[in-house]
């Protein structure tokens, strides 16, 4: 069968597309072989290894997904949160554009954008529930930045950081992708093959972001978080291929929140991934790339936010999470009514959906 090869950025990659060529790591090893049908797992790996684009075969049948759990979208509390979220996103758009044009923004104003959303909620679990139902289609950079900022805020609380560190980490998460705003959208959204020069520009967005804020009245930790958030502890990241202790702690934390939000957000081109599937992907794929002292804390606490929640399993059964294993938070114990299922013993069973 003849087909046309088209190179697309991973932000335009859809579940069900088929790879035309091998995807290689920076060391030349095959990460995903050619002819593979793209799944959520593959999208996670591409984000983790910071692959910017892939070659796909044109005119393929894509898998269709339907959403059956939209009731929360019509509740009074969710609609109130969404209204506040949209207002914060508009303010963020203004603030980031101001910085991009050489202006200054007060750190307290930046912090309040996401912190006010968090303190408006009754529990942290409510935030994760709402984030699972927000659709980030338009102005994704702004939505993603706001989400990562909120995740960093709560992550800092889980790490028992002091108030000043939480504030700085929250703002660093908010600004982490600001460098992308100065990259031509034709490059970021280019449907065809990227040139070597275009690749180099995209990979420099942490440096571009750092240069935008380096002369602003912001703490140095925030600037380093922006600069280093794509570095990996084995040296495979960018822009400087730094290793472990060379990478600022804020950047290590942002890297985890960045990937988590990219995988669990509803996008126009792929269905959101269940948080427990993402936790499992982190468990399997991230060690040696992300800092484990932070990763363990993040995964365990994320899972506990779904304790006692109703979930749908990959075999179609519906149940309630009654216990989280500390060493394997992706595999909780679920009460399905007629049985208690310990998912540690069920290697082929996953939590498909949070209901």
C-alpha atoms as a PDB file:
ATOM      1  CA  UNK A   1       0.000   0.000   0.000  1.00  0.00           C
ATOM      2  CA  UNK A   2       1.400   3.370  -1.008  1.00  0.00           C
ATOM      3  CA  UNK A   3       1.334   6.207   1.471  1.00  0.00           C
ATOM      4  CA  UNK A   4       2.673   9.707   1.878  1.00  0.00           C
ATOM      5  CA  UNK A   5       5.026  10.579   4.734  1.00  0.00           C
ATOM      6  CA  UNK A   6       4.199  13.717   6.687  1.00  0.00           C
ATOM      7  CA  UNK A   7       6.309  15.138   9.526  1.00  0.00           C
ATOM      8  CA  UNK A   8       4.221  16.693  12.302  1.00  0.00           C
ATOM      9  CA  UNK A   9       4.955  18.166  15.712  1.00  0.00           C
ATOM     10  CA  UNK A  10       3.940  16.012  18.683  1.00  0.00           C
ATOM     11  CA  UNK A  11       1.416  18.689  19.706  1.00  0.00           C
ATOM     12  CA  UNK A  12      -0.508  17.684  16.544  1.00  0.00           C
ATOM     13  CA  UNK A  13      -0.022  13.931  16.992  1.00  0.00           C
ATOM     14  CA  UNK A  14      -3.229  11.918  17.352  1.00  0.00           C
ATOM     15  CA  UNK A  15      -3.911   8.513  18.847  1.00  0.00           C
ATOM     16  CA  UNK A  16      -4.332   6.059  15.964  1.00  0.00           C
ATOM     17  CA  UNK A  17      -1.767   7.592  13.634  1.00  0.00           C
ATOM     18  CA  UNK A  18       0.916   5.247  12.286  1.00  0.00           C
ATOM     19  CA  UNK A  19       4.633   6.014  12.352  1.00  0.00           C
ATOM     20  CA  UNK A  20       6.373   6.006   8.995  1.00  0.00           C
ATOM     21  CA  UNK A  21       9.911   5.901  10.431  1.00  0.00           C
ATOM     22  CA  UNK A  22      11.673   4.886  13.643  1.00  0.00           C
ATOM     23  CA  UNK A  23      11.712   7.464  16.429  1.00  0.00           C
ATOM     24  CA  UNK A  24      15.227   7.692  17.874  1.00  0.00           C
ATOM     25  CA  UNK A  25      16.517   8.983  21.194  1.00  0.00           C
ATOM     26  CA  UNK A  26      19.314  11.544  21.354  1.00  0.00           C
ATOM     27  CA  UNK A  27      21.714   8.584  21.696  1.00  0.00           C
ATOM     28  CA  UNK A  28      20.508   6.996  18.465  1.00  0.00           C
ATOM     29  CA  UNK A  29      18.508   4.193  20.109  1.00  0.00           C
ATOM     30  CA  UNK A  30      15.083   3.249  18.784  1.00  0.00           C
ATOM     31  CA  UNK A  31      12.446   4.672  21.126  1.00  0.00           C
ATOM     32  CA  UNK A  32       9.417   3.692  19.016  1.00  0.00           C
ATOM     33  CA  UNK A  33       9.784   1.575  15.845  1.00  0.00           C
ATOM     34  CA  UNK A  34       8.272   2.437  12.487  1.00  0.00           C
ATOM     35  CA  UNK A  35       4.773   1.151  11.626  1.00  0.00           C
ATOM     36  CA  UNK A  36       3.694   1.565  15.260  1.00  0.00           C
ATOM     37  CA  UNK A  37       0.120   2.743  15.853  1.00  0.00           C
ATOM     38  CA  UNK A  38       0.311   5.679  18.253  1.00  0.00           C
ATOM     39  CA  UNK A  39      -1.253   5.183  21.702  1.00  0.00           C
ATOM     40  CA  UNK A  40      -1.382   7.282  24.867  1.00  0.00           C
ATOM     41  CA  UNK A  41       1.727   5.415  26.067  1.00  0.00           C
ATOM     42  CA  UNK A  42       3.666   6.521  22.995  1.00  0.00           C
ATOM     43  CA  UNK A  43       2.596  10.168  23.406  1.00  0.00           C
ATOM     44  CA  UNK A  44       3.832  10.015  27.002  1.00  0.00           C
ATOM     45  CA  UNK A  45       7.215   8.650  25.885  1.00  0.00           C
ATOM     46  CA  UNK A  46       7.586  11.341  23.233  1.00  0.00           C
ATOM     47  CA  UNK A  47       6.892  14.024  25.843  1.00  0.00           C
ATOM     48  CA  UNK A  48       9.253  12.389  28.320  1.00  0.00           C
ATOM     49  CA  UNK A  49      12.122  12.116  25.835  1.00  0.00           C
ATOM     50  CA  UNK A  50      11.353  15.562  24.409  1.00  0.00           C
ATOM     51  CA  UNK A  51      10.870  14.403  20.825  1.00  0.00           C
ATOM     52  CA  UNK A  52       9.617  17.426  18.896  1.00  0.00           C
ATOM     53  CA  UNK A  53       8.181  15.804  15.761  1.00  0.00           C
ATOM     54  CA  UNK A  54       7.673  12.430  14.083  1.00  0.00           C
ATOM     55  CA  UNK A  55       7.040  11.056  10.602  1.00  0.00           C
ATOM     56  CA  UNK A  56       3.541   9.612  10.170  1.00  0.00           C
ATOM     57  CA  UNK A  57       1.717   7.911   7.318  1.00  0.00           C
ATOM     58  CA  UNK A  58      -0.993  10.056   5.754  1.00  0.00           C
ATOM     59  CA  UNK A  59      -4.705   9.186   5.443  1.00  0.00           C
ATOM     60  CA  UNK A  60      -4.945   6.665   8.258  1.00  0.00           C
ATOM     61  CA  UNK A  61      -8.066   5.686  10.163  1.00  0.00           C
ATOM     62  CA  UNK A  62      -8.023   7.155  13.639  1.00  0.00           C
ATOM     63  CA  UNK A  63      -9.585   5.667  16.723  1.00  0.00           C
ATOM     64  CA  UNK A  64     -12.701   7.362  18.007  1.00  0.00           C
ATOM     65  CA  UNK A  65     -13.402   7.984  21.657  1.00  0.00           C
ATOM     66  CA  UNK A  66     -16.585   9.073  23.349  1.00  0.00           C
ATOM     67  CA  UNK A  67     -17.089  10.781  26.658  1.00  0.00           C
ATOM     68  CA  UNK A  68     -19.823   9.489  28.929  1.00  0.00           C
ATOM     69  CA  UNK A  69     -18.975  11.343  32.106  1.00  0.00           C
ATOM     70  CA  UNK A  70     -19.751  14.975  31.530  1.00  0.00           C
ATOM     71  CA  UNK A  71     -22.227  15.517  34.384  1.00  0.00           C
ATOM     72  CA  UNK A  72     -19.656  17.417  36.448  1.00  0.00           C
ATOM     73  CA  UNK A  73     -19.388  19.982  33.659  1.00  0.00           C
ATOM     74  CA  UNK A  74     -22.904  21.175  34.463  1.00  0.00           C
ATOM     75  CA  UNK A  75     -22.582  21.465  38.248  1.00  0.00           C
ATOM     76  CA  UNK A  76     -22.735  24.903  39.842  1.00  0.00           C
ATOM     77  CA  UNK A  77     -19.328  24.532  41.526  1.00  0.00           C
ATOM     78  CA  UNK A  78     -17.565  23.452  38.336  1.00  0.00           C
ATOM     79  CA  UNK A  79     -19.115  26.239  36.268  1.00  0.00           C
ATOM     80  CA  UNK A  80     -18.055  28.763  38.910  1.00  0.00           C
ATOM     81  CA  UNK A  81     -14.510  27.375  38.870  1.00  0.00           C
ATOM     82  CA  UNK A  82     -14.399  27.384  35.074  1.00  0.00           C
ATOM     83  CA  UNK A  83     -15.529  31.008  34.987  1.00  0.00           C
ATOM     84  CA  UNK A  84     -12.743  31.983  37.412  1.00  0.00           C
ATOM     85  CA  UNK A  85     -10.278  29.831  35.450  1.00  0.00           C
ATOM     86  CA  UNK A  86     -11.165  31.575  32.180  1.00  0.00           C
ATOM     87  CA  UNK A  87     -10.750  34.969  33.856  1.00  0.00           C
ATOM     88  CA  UNK A  88      -7.320  33.959  35.186  1.00  0.00           C
ATOM     89  CA  UNK A  89      -6.320  32.728  31.739  1.00  0.00           C
ATOM     90  CA  UNK A  90      -7.243  36.093  30.199  1.00  0.00           C
ATOM     91  CA  UNK A  91      -5.171  37.901  32.830  1.00  0.00           C
ATOM     92  CA  UNK A  92      -2.277  35.496  32.233  1.00  0.00           C
ATOM     93  CA  UNK A  93      -2.454  36.195  28.503  1.00  0.00           C
ATOM     94  CA  UNK A  94      -2.100  39.904  29.247  1.00  0.00           C
ATOM     95  CA  UNK A  95       0.753  39.414  31.743  1.00  0.00           C
ATOM     96  CA  UNK A  96       2.781  37.088  29.513  1.00  0.00           C
ATOM     97  CA  UNK A  97       2.305  39.355  26.520  1.00  0.00           C
ATOM     98  CA  UNK A  98       3.486  42.282  28.661  1.00  0.00           C
ATOM     99  CA  UNK A  99       6.673  40.409  29.593  1.00  0.00           C
ATOM    100  CA  UNK A 100       7.131  39.288  25.985  1.00  0.00           C
ATOM    101  CA  UNK A 101       7.042  42.918  24.909  1.00  0.00           C
ATOM    102  CA  UNK A 102       9.717  43.898  27.427  1.00  0.00           C
ATOM    103  CA  UNK A 103       7.455  44.990  30.275  1.00  0.00           C
ATOM    104  CA  UNK A 104       7.492  44.027  33.958  1.00  0.00           C
ATOM    105  CA  UNK A 105       4.845  42.264  36.045  1.00  0.00           C
ATOM    106  CA  UNK A 106       4.547  42.080  39.828  1.00  0.00           C
ATOM    107  CA  UNK A 107       5.344  38.631  41.229  1.00  0.00           C
ATOM    108  CA  UNK A 108       2.381  38.801  43.622  1.00  0.00           C
ATOM    109  CA  UNK A 109      -0.018  39.395  40.726  1.00  0.00           C
ATOM    110  CA  UNK A 110       1.409  36.359  38.936  1.00  0.00           C
ATOM    111  CA  UNK A 111       1.159  34.209  42.067  1.00  0.00           C
ATOM    112  CA  UNK A 112      -2.468  35.149  42.709  1.00  0.00           C
ATOM    113  CA  UNK A 113      -3.565  33.990  39.254  1.00  0.00           C
ATOM    114  CA  UNK A 114      -3.356  30.311  40.205  1.00  0.00           C
ATOM    115  CA  UNK A 115      -3.280  30.556  43.997  1.00  0.00           C
ATOM    116  CA  UNK A 116      -6.683  32.283  44.107  1.00  0.00           C
ATOM    117  CA  UNK A 117      -8.133  29.418  42.065  1.00  0.00           C
ATOM    118  CA  UNK A 118      -6.723  26.876  44.508  1.00  0.00           C
ATOM    119  CA  UNK A 119      -7.930  28.581  47.672  1.00  0.00           C
ATOM    120  CA  UNK A 120     -11.429  28.936  46.190  1.00  0.00           C
ATOM    121  CA  UNK A 121     -11.806  25.150  46.309  1.00  0.00           C
ATOM    122  CA  UNK A 122     -12.904  23.091  49.291  1.00  0.00           C
ATOM    123  CA  UNK A 123     -10.225  20.405  48.803  1.00  0.00           C
ATOM    124  CA  UNK A 124      -7.191  19.739  46.621  1.00  0.00           C
ATOM    125  CA  UNK A 125      -8.995  16.672  45.261  1.00  0.00           C
ATOM    126  CA  UNK A 126     -11.608  18.992  43.809  1.00  0.00           C
ATOM    127  CA  UNK A 127      -8.913  20.676  41.725  1.00  0.00           C
ATOM    128  CA  UNK A 128      -7.773  17.411  40.123  1.00  0.00           C
ATOM    129  CA  UNK A 129     -11.381  16.497  39.445  1.00  0.00           C
ATOM    130  CA  UNK A 130     -11.991  19.812  37.698  1.00  0.00           C
ATOM    131  CA  UNK A 131      -8.744  19.706  35.720  1.00  0.00           C
ATOM    132  CA  UNK A 132      -9.871  16.343  34.342  1.00  0.00           C
ATOM    133  CA  UNK A 133     -12.874  18.078  32.802  1.00  0.00           C
ATOM    134  CA  UNK A 134     -11.330  21.272  31.445  1.00  0.00           C
ATOM    135  CA  UNK A 135     -10.774  21.196  27.688  1.00  0.00           C
ATOM    136  CA  UNK A 136      -7.612  23.000  26.563  1.00  0.00           C
ATOM    137  CA  UNK A 137      -8.225  23.628  22.881  1.00  0.00           C
ATOM    138  CA  UNK A 138      -7.684  27.342  22.301  1.00  0.00           C
ATOM    139  CA  UNK A 139      -4.615  29.182  23.602  1.00  0.00           C
ATOM    140  CA  UNK A 140      -3.146  25.936  24.911  1.00  0.00           C
ATOM    141  CA  UNK A 141       0.129  27.526  26.050  1.00  0.00           C
ATOM    142  CA  UNK A 142      -1.787  29.751  28.470  1.00  0.00           C
ATOM    143  CA  UNK A 143      -4.030  26.953  29.783  1.00  0.00           C
ATOM    144  CA  UNK A 144      -1.080  24.633  30.184  1.00  0.00           C
ATOM    145  CA  UNK A 145       0.939  27.291  32.010  1.00  0.00           C
ATOM    146  CA  UNK A 146      -1.927  27.953  34.425  1.00  0.00           C
ATOM    147  CA  UNK A 147      -2.394  24.227  35.068  1.00  0.00           C
ATOM    148  CA  UNK A 148       1.314  23.613  35.657  1.00  0.00           C
ATOM    149  CA  UNK A 149       1.388  26.590  38.015  1.00  0.00           C
ATOM    150  CA  UNK A 150      -1.444  25.139  40.121  1.00  0.00           C
ATOM    151  CA  UNK A 151       0.203  21.698  40.127  1.00  0.00           C
ATOM    152  CA  UNK A 152       3.492  23.252  41.255  1.00  0.00           C
ATOM    153  CA  UNK A 153       1.683  25.091  44.057  1.00  0.00           C
ATOM    154  CA  UNK A 154       0.149  21.901  45.425  1.00  0.00           C
ATOM    155  CA  UNK A 155       3.338  19.912  44.755  1.00  0.00           C
ATOM    156  CA  UNK A 156       5.226  22.440  46.881  1.00  0.00           C
ATOM    157  CA  UNK A 157       2.741  21.884  49.699  1.00  0.00           C
ATOM    158  CA  UNK A 158       3.250  18.113  49.469  1.00  0.00           C
ATOM    159  CA  UNK A 159       6.997  18.719  49.746  1.00  0.00           C
ATOM    160  CA  UNK A 160       6.426  20.907  52.829  1.00  0.00           C
ATOM    161  CA  UNK A 161       8.171  23.871  51.250  1.00  0.00           C
ATOM    162  CA  UNK A 162       7.859  27.188  53.050  1.00  0.00           C
ATOM    163  CA  UNK A 163       5.453  29.869  51.784  1.00  0.00           C
ATOM    164  CA  UNK A 164       8.145  31.821  49.949  1.00  0.00           C
ATOM    165  CA  UNK A 165       9.349  28.758  48.050  1.00  0.00           C
ATOM    166  CA  UNK A 166       5.781  27.783  47.163  1.00  0.00           C
ATOM    167  CA  UNK A 167       5.167  31.274  45.808  1.00  0.00           C
ATOM    168  CA  UNK A 168       8.357  31.250  43.721  1.00  0.00           C
ATOM    169  CA  UNK A 169       7.768  27.700  42.469  1.00  0.00           C
ATOM    170  CA  UNK A 170       4.181  28.582  41.524  1.00  0.00           C
ATOM    171  CA  UNK A 171       5.338  31.573  39.482  1.00  0.00           C
ATOM    172  CA  UNK A 172       8.135  29.544  37.873  1.00  0.00           C
ATOM    173  CA  UNK A 173       5.509  27.009  36.745  1.00  0.00           C
ATOM    174  CA  UNK A 174       3.376  29.828  35.380  1.00  0.00           C
ATOM    175  CA  UNK A 175       6.256  31.242  33.314  1.00  0.00           C
ATOM    176  CA  UNK A 176       8.004  28.015  32.316  1.00  0.00           C
ATOM    177  CA  UNK A 177       6.867  28.082  28.661  1.00  0.00           C
ATOM    178  CA  UNK A 178       6.911  31.834  28.109  1.00  0.00           C
ATOM    179  CA  UNK A 179       9.723  31.437  25.583  1.00  0.00           C
ATOM    180  CA  UNK A 180       7.302  29.739  23.173  1.00  0.00           C
ATOM    181  CA  UNK A 181       5.411  33.004  22.794  1.00  0.00           C
ATOM    182  CA  UNK A 182       8.328  34.472  20.844  1.00  0.00           C
ATOM    183  CA  UNK A 183       8.545  31.509  18.506  1.00  0.00           C
ATOM    184  CA  UNK A 184       6.688  31.918  15.219  1.00  0.00           C
ATOM    185  CA  UNK A 185       3.385  30.032  15.488  1.00  0.00           C
ATOM    186  CA  UNK A 186       3.982  28.836  11.934  1.00  0.00           C
ATOM    187  CA  UNK A 187       6.935  26.854  13.298  1.00  0.00           C
ATOM    188  CA  UNK A 188       5.155  25.528  16.390  1.00  0.00           C
ATOM    189  CA  UNK A 189       2.070  24.491  14.390  1.00  0.00           C
ATOM    190  CA  UNK A 190       3.816  23.632  11.131  1.00  0.00           C
ATOM    191  CA  UNK A 191       2.141  20.534   9.625  1.00  0.00           C
ATOM    192  CA  UNK A 192       5.063  19.638   7.376  1.00  0.00           C
ATOM    193  CA  UNK A 193       8.669  18.704   8.047  1.00  0.00           C
ATOM    194  CA  UNK A 194      10.646  21.067  10.261  1.00  0.00           C
ATOM    195  CA  UNK A 195      14.021  22.266   9.057  1.00  0.00           C
ATOM    196  CA  UNK A 196      17.120  21.903  11.225  1.00  0.00           C
ATOM    197  CA  UNK A 197      16.963  25.625  11.962  1.00  0.00           C
ATOM    198  CA  UNK A 198      13.324  25.347  13.057  1.00  0.00           C
ATOM    199  CA  UNK A 199      14.174  22.435  15.360  1.00  0.00           C
ATOM    200  CA  UNK A 200      16.946  24.510  16.895  1.00  0.00           C
ATOM    201  CA  UNK A 201      14.556  27.409  17.523  1.00  0.00           C
ATOM    202  CA  UNK A 202      11.974  25.254  19.324  1.00  0.00           C
ATOM    203  CA  UNK A 203      14.641  23.628  21.464  1.00  0.00           C
ATOM    204  CA  UNK A 204      15.802  27.064  22.546  1.00  0.00           C
ATOM    205  CA  UNK A 205      12.482  28.126  24.071  1.00  0.00           C
ATOM    206  CA  UNK A 206      13.824  27.695  27.652  1.00  0.00           C
ATOM    207  CA  UNK A 207      16.702  30.047  26.786  1.00  0.00           C
ATOM    208  CA  UNK A 208      14.349  32.467  25.066  1.00  0.00           C
ATOM    209  CA  UNK A 209      12.131  32.450  28.148  1.00  0.00           C
ATOM    210  CA  UNK A 210      15.102  32.987  30.438  1.00  0.00           C
ATOM    211  CA  UNK A 211      16.268  35.942  28.369  1.00  0.00           C
ATOM    212  CA  UNK A 212      12.802  37.479  28.609  1.00  0.00           C
ATOM    213  CA  UNK A 213      12.858  37.432  32.426  1.00  0.00           C
ATOM    214  CA  UNK A 214      16.545  37.678  33.284  1.00  0.00           C
ATOM    215  CA  UNK A 215      16.423  41.437  33.854  1.00  0.00           C
ATOM    216  CA  UNK A 216      13.054  41.446  35.607  1.00  0.00           C
ATOM    217  CA  UNK A 217      12.695  41.865  39.350  1.00  0.00           C
ATOM    218  CA  UNK A 218      12.158  38.142  39.928  1.00  0.00           C
ATOM    219  CA  UNK A 219      14.055  35.714  42.201  1.00  0.00           C
ATOM    220  CA  UNK A 220      16.888  33.818  40.537  1.00  0.00           C
ATOM    221  CA  UNK A 221      15.208  30.480  41.338  1.00  0.00           C
ATOM    222  CA  UNK A 222      12.296  31.357  39.056  1.00  0.00           C
ATOM    223  CA  UNK A 223      14.620  32.222  36.196  1.00  0.00           C
ATOM    224  CA  UNK A 224      16.569  28.965  36.595  1.00  0.00           C
ATOM    225  CA  UNK A 225      13.317  26.977  36.711  1.00  0.00           C
ATOM    226  CA  UNK A 226      12.366  28.453  33.341  1.00  0.00           C
ATOM    227  CA  UNK A 227      15.825  27.849  31.879  1.00  0.00           C
ATOM    228  CA  UNK A 228      16.227  24.225  33.008  1.00  0.00           C
ATOM    229  CA  UNK A 229      12.733  22.689  32.952  1.00  0.00           C
ATOM    230  CA  UNK A 230      13.556  20.472  29.958  1.00  0.00           C
ATOM    231  CA  UNK A 231      16.812  19.126  31.380  1.00  0.00           C
ATOM    232  CA  UNK A 232      16.921  15.429  32.427  1.00  0.00           C
ATOM    233  CA  UNK A 233      19.055  14.000  35.212  1.00  0.00           C
ATOM    234  CA  UNK A 234      20.902  11.673  32.808  1.00  0.00           C
ATOM    235  CA  UNK A 235      22.002  14.630  30.666  1.00  0.00           C
ATOM    236  CA  UNK A 236      19.670  13.851  27.755  1.00  0.00           C
ATOM    237  CA  UNK A 237      17.619  17.045  28.107  1.00  0.00           C
ATOM    238  CA  UNK A 238      18.073  20.513  26.654  1.00  0.00           C
ATOM    239  CA  UNK A 239      19.266  23.205  26.165  1.00  0.00           C
ATOM    240  CA  UNK A 240      22.543  22.439  28.020  1.00  0.00           C
ATOM    241  CA  UNK A 241      22.408  18.660  28.661  1.00  0.00           C
ATOM    242  CA  UNK A 242      22.820  19.233  32.398  1.00  0.00           C
ATOM    243  CA  UNK A 243      22.879  16.315  34.832  1.00  0.00           C
ATOM    244  CA  UNK A 244      21.225  15.693  38.205  1.00  0.00           C
ATOM    245  CA  UNK A 245      22.852  18.089  40.724  1.00  0.00           C
ATOM    246  CA  UNK A 246      23.427  20.685  37.986  1.00  0.00           C
ATOM    247  CA  UNK A 247      19.669  21.092  37.530  1.00  0.00           C
ATOM    248  CA  UNK A 248      17.812  23.459  39.849  1.00  0.00           C
ATOM    249  CA  UNK A 249      15.200  21.812  42.091  1.00  0.00           C
ATOM    250  CA  UNK A 250      12.418  24.038  40.737  1.00  0.00           C
ATOM    251  CA  UNK A 251      13.160  22.790  37.212  1.00  0.00           C
ATOM    252  CA  UNK A 252      13.021  19.146  38.374  1.00  0.00           C
ATOM    253  CA  UNK A 253       9.610  19.768  39.940  1.00  0.00           C
ATOM    254  CA  UNK A 254       8.260  21.683  36.942  1.00  0.00           C
ATOM    255  CA  UNK A 255       9.375  18.883  34.597  1.00  0.00           C
ATOM    256  CA  UNK A 256       7.105  16.405  36.413  1.00  0.00           C
ATOM    257  CA  UNK A 257       4.093  18.754  36.547  1.00  0.00           C
ATOM    258  CA  UNK A 258       4.657  19.690  32.889  1.00  0.00           C
ATOM    259  CA  UNK A 259       4.434  16.098  31.642  1.00  0.00           C
ATOM    260  CA  UNK A 260       1.534  15.197  33.947  1.00  0.00           C
ATOM    261  CA  UNK A 261      -0.609  18.067  32.681  1.00  0.00           C
ATOM    262  CA  UNK A 262       0.280  17.411  29.034  1.00  0.00           C
ATOM    263  CA  UNK A 263      -0.905  13.809  29.410  1.00  0.00           C
ATOM    264  CA  UNK A 264      -4.073  14.338  31.487  1.00  0.00           C
ATOM    265  CA  UNK A 265      -5.450  17.428  29.724  1.00  0.00           C
ATOM    266  CA  UNK A 266      -8.241  17.096  27.201  1.00  0.00           C
ATOM    267  CA  UNK A 267      -6.947  18.349  23.868  1.00  0.00           C
ATOM    268  CA  UNK A 268      -8.614  18.850  20.509  1.00  0.00           C
ATOM    269  CA  UNK A 269      -6.571  16.006  19.024  1.00  0.00           C
ATOM    270  CA  UNK A 270      -6.474  13.324  21.709  1.00  0.00           C
ATOM    271  CA  UNK A 271      -8.500  11.977  24.600  1.00  0.00           C
ATOM    272  CA  UNK A 272      -7.163  12.699  28.050  1.00  0.00           C
ATOM    273  CA  UNK A 273      -5.273   9.852  29.715  1.00  0.00           C
ATOM    274  CA  UNK A 274      -6.526   8.491  33.022  1.00  0.00           C
ATOM    275  CA  UNK A 275      -4.399   9.837  35.911  1.00  0.00           C
ATOM    276  CA  UNK A 276      -3.694   6.270  37.045  1.00  0.00           C
ATOM    277  CA  UNK A 277      -2.440   5.343  33.594  1.00  0.00           C
ATOM    278  CA  UNK A 278      -0.165   8.376  33.684  1.00  0.00           C
ATOM    279  CA  UNK A 279       1.074   7.362  37.141  1.00  0.00           C
ATOM    280  CA  UNK A 280       1.839   3.920  35.738  1.00  0.00           C
ATOM    281  CA  UNK A 281       3.716   5.442  32.807  1.00  0.00           C
ATOM    282  CA  UNK A 282       5.770   7.549  35.212  1.00  0.00           C
ATOM    283  CA  UNK A 283       6.557   4.400  37.238  1.00  0.00           C
ATOM    284  CA  UNK A 284       7.699   2.483  34.166  1.00  0.00           C
ATOM    285  CA  UNK A 285       9.399   5.087  32.017  1.00  0.00           C
ATOM    286  CA  UNK A 286      10.714   7.949  34.148  1.00  0.00           C
ATOM    287  CA  UNK A 287      13.394   6.572  36.417  1.00  0.00           C
ATOM    288  CA  UNK A 288      16.816   7.795  35.397  1.00  0.00           C
ATOM    289  CA  UNK A 289      15.240  10.783  33.653  1.00  0.00           C
ATOM    290  CA  UNK A 290      13.255  12.519  36.412  1.00  0.00           C
ATOM    291  CA  UNK A 291      14.370  13.049  40.012  1.00  0.00           C
ATOM    292  CA  UNK A 292      12.981  10.131  42.040  1.00  0.00           C
ATOM    293  CA  UNK A 293      12.869  12.022  45.352  1.00  0.00           C
ATOM    294  CA  UNK A 294      10.283  14.342  43.827  1.00  0.00           C
ATOM    295  CA  UNK A 295       8.635  11.769  41.589  1.00  0.00           C
ATOM    296  CA  UNK A 296       7.722   9.429  44.492  1.00  0.00           C
ATOM    297  CA  UNK A 297       6.093  12.274  46.421  1.00  0.00           C
ATOM    298  CA  UNK A 298       4.149  13.450  43.377  1.00  0.00           C
ATOM    299  CA  UNK A 299       2.837  10.036  42.336  1.00  0.00           C
ATOM    300  CA  UNK A 300       1.787   8.961  45.807  1.00  0.00           C
ATOM    301  CA  UNK A 301      -0.065  12.182  46.534  1.00  0.00           C
ATOM    302  CA  UNK A 302      -1.729  12.308  43.124  1.00  0.00           C
ATOM    303  CA  UNK A 303      -3.111   8.814  43.712  1.00  0.00           C
ATOM    304  CA  UNK A 304      -4.378   9.642  47.215  1.00  0.00           C
ATOM    305  CA  UNK A 305      -6.434  12.477  45.750  1.00  0.00           C
ATOM    306  CA  UNK A 306      -8.589   9.814  44.096  1.00  0.00           C
ATOM    307  CA  UNK A 307      -9.123   7.638  47.205  1.00  0.00           C
ATOM    308  CA  UNK A 308     -12.838   6.707  47.570  1.00  0.00           C
ATOM    309  CA  UNK A 309     -13.568   7.963  44.047  1.00  0.00           C
ATOM    310  CA  UNK A 310     -15.684   5.929  41.647  1.00  0.00           C
ATOM    311  CA  UNK A 311     -13.698   4.614  38.681  1.00  0.00           C
ATOM    312  CA  UNK A 312     -14.227   2.583  35.545  1.00  0.00           C
ATOM    313  CA  UNK A 313     -11.814  -0.293  34.947  1.00  0.00           C
ATOM    314  CA  UNK A 314     -10.477  -1.403  31.583  1.00  0.00           C
ATOM    315  CA  UNK A 315     -12.664  -4.539  31.772  1.00  0.00           C
ATOM    316  CA  UNK A 316     -15.785  -2.367  32.001  1.00  0.00           C
ATOM    317  CA  UNK A 317     -16.437  -2.858  35.721  1.00  0.00           C
ATOM    318  CA  UNK A 318     -17.206   0.161  37.893  1.00  0.00           C
ATOM    319  CA  UNK A 319     -15.979   0.375  41.480  1.00  0.00           C
ATOM    320  CA  UNK A 320     -14.614   2.548  44.258  1.00  0.00           C
ATOM    321  CA  UNK A 321     -10.951   2.969  45.203  1.00  0.00           C
ATOM    322  CA  UNK A 322     -10.548   1.877  48.825  1.00  0.00           C
ATOM    323  CA  UNK A 323      -6.763   1.619  49.252  1.00  0.00           C
ATOM    324  CA  UNK A 324      -3.638   3.088  47.652  1.00  0.00           C
ATOM    325  CA  UNK A 325      -0.413   1.048  47.671  1.00  0.00           C
ATOM    326  CA  UNK A 326       2.452   3.329  48.640  1.00  0.00           C
ATOM    327  CA  UNK A 327       5.046   1.541  46.491  1.00  0.00           C
ATOM    328  CA  UNK A 328       2.745   1.121  43.459  1.00  0.00           C
ATOM    329  CA  UNK A 329       0.179   3.941  43.590  1.00  0.00           C
ATOM    330  CA  UNK A 330      -0.948   3.186  40.029  1.00  0.00           C
ATOM    331  CA  UNK A 331      -2.412  -0.137  41.200  1.00  0.00           C
ATOM    332  CA  UNK A 332      -4.905   0.546  44.022  1.00  0.00           C
ATOM    333  CA  UNK A 333      -7.443  -1.800  45.591  1.00  0.00           C
ATOM    334  CA  UNK A 334     -10.911  -1.326  44.103  1.00  0.00           C
ATOM    335  CA  UNK A 335     -14.278  -2.454  45.502  1.00  0.00           C
ATOM    336  CA  UNK A 336     -16.517  -3.410  42.560  1.00  0.00           C
ATOM    337  CA  UNK A 337     -19.390  -4.577  44.743  1.00  0.00           C
ATOM    338  CA  UNK A 338     -19.253  -8.315  44.100  1.00  0.00           C
ATOM    339  CA  UNK A 339     -15.504  -8.477  44.716  1.00  0.00           C
ATOM    340  CA  UNK A 340     -12.476  -6.610  46.047  1.00  0.00           C
ATOM    341  CA  UNK A 341      -9.859  -6.302  43.300  1.00  0.00           C
ATOM    342  CA  UNK A 342      -6.228  -5.735  44.232  1.00  0.00           C
ATOM    343  CA  UNK A 343      -4.881  -4.324  41.005  1.00  0.00           C
ATOM    344  CA  UNK A 344      -1.319  -5.214  41.992  1.00  0.00           C
ATOM    345  CA  UNK A 345      -2.336  -8.792  41.202  1.00  0.00           C
ATOM    346  CA  UNK A 346      -4.057  -7.841  37.936  1.00  0.00           C
ATOM    347  CA  UNK A 347      -1.272  -6.868  35.554  1.00  0.00           C
ATOM    348  CA  UNK A 348      -3.600  -6.480  32.557  1.00  0.00           C
ATOM    349  CA  UNK A 349      -6.183  -4.359  34.384  1.00  0.00           C
ATOM    350  CA  UNK A 350      -6.083  -0.548  34.461  1.00  0.00           C
ATOM    351  CA  UNK A 351      -8.220   2.299  35.694  1.00  0.00           C
ATOM    352  CA  UNK A 352      -9.676   3.607  32.476  1.00  0.00           C
ATOM    353  CA  UNK A 353     -11.607   6.586  33.762  1.00  0.00           C
ATOM    354  CA  UNK A 354     -12.272   8.655  36.885  1.00  0.00           C
ATOM    355  CA  UNK A 355     -16.056   9.044  37.171  1.00  0.00           C
END
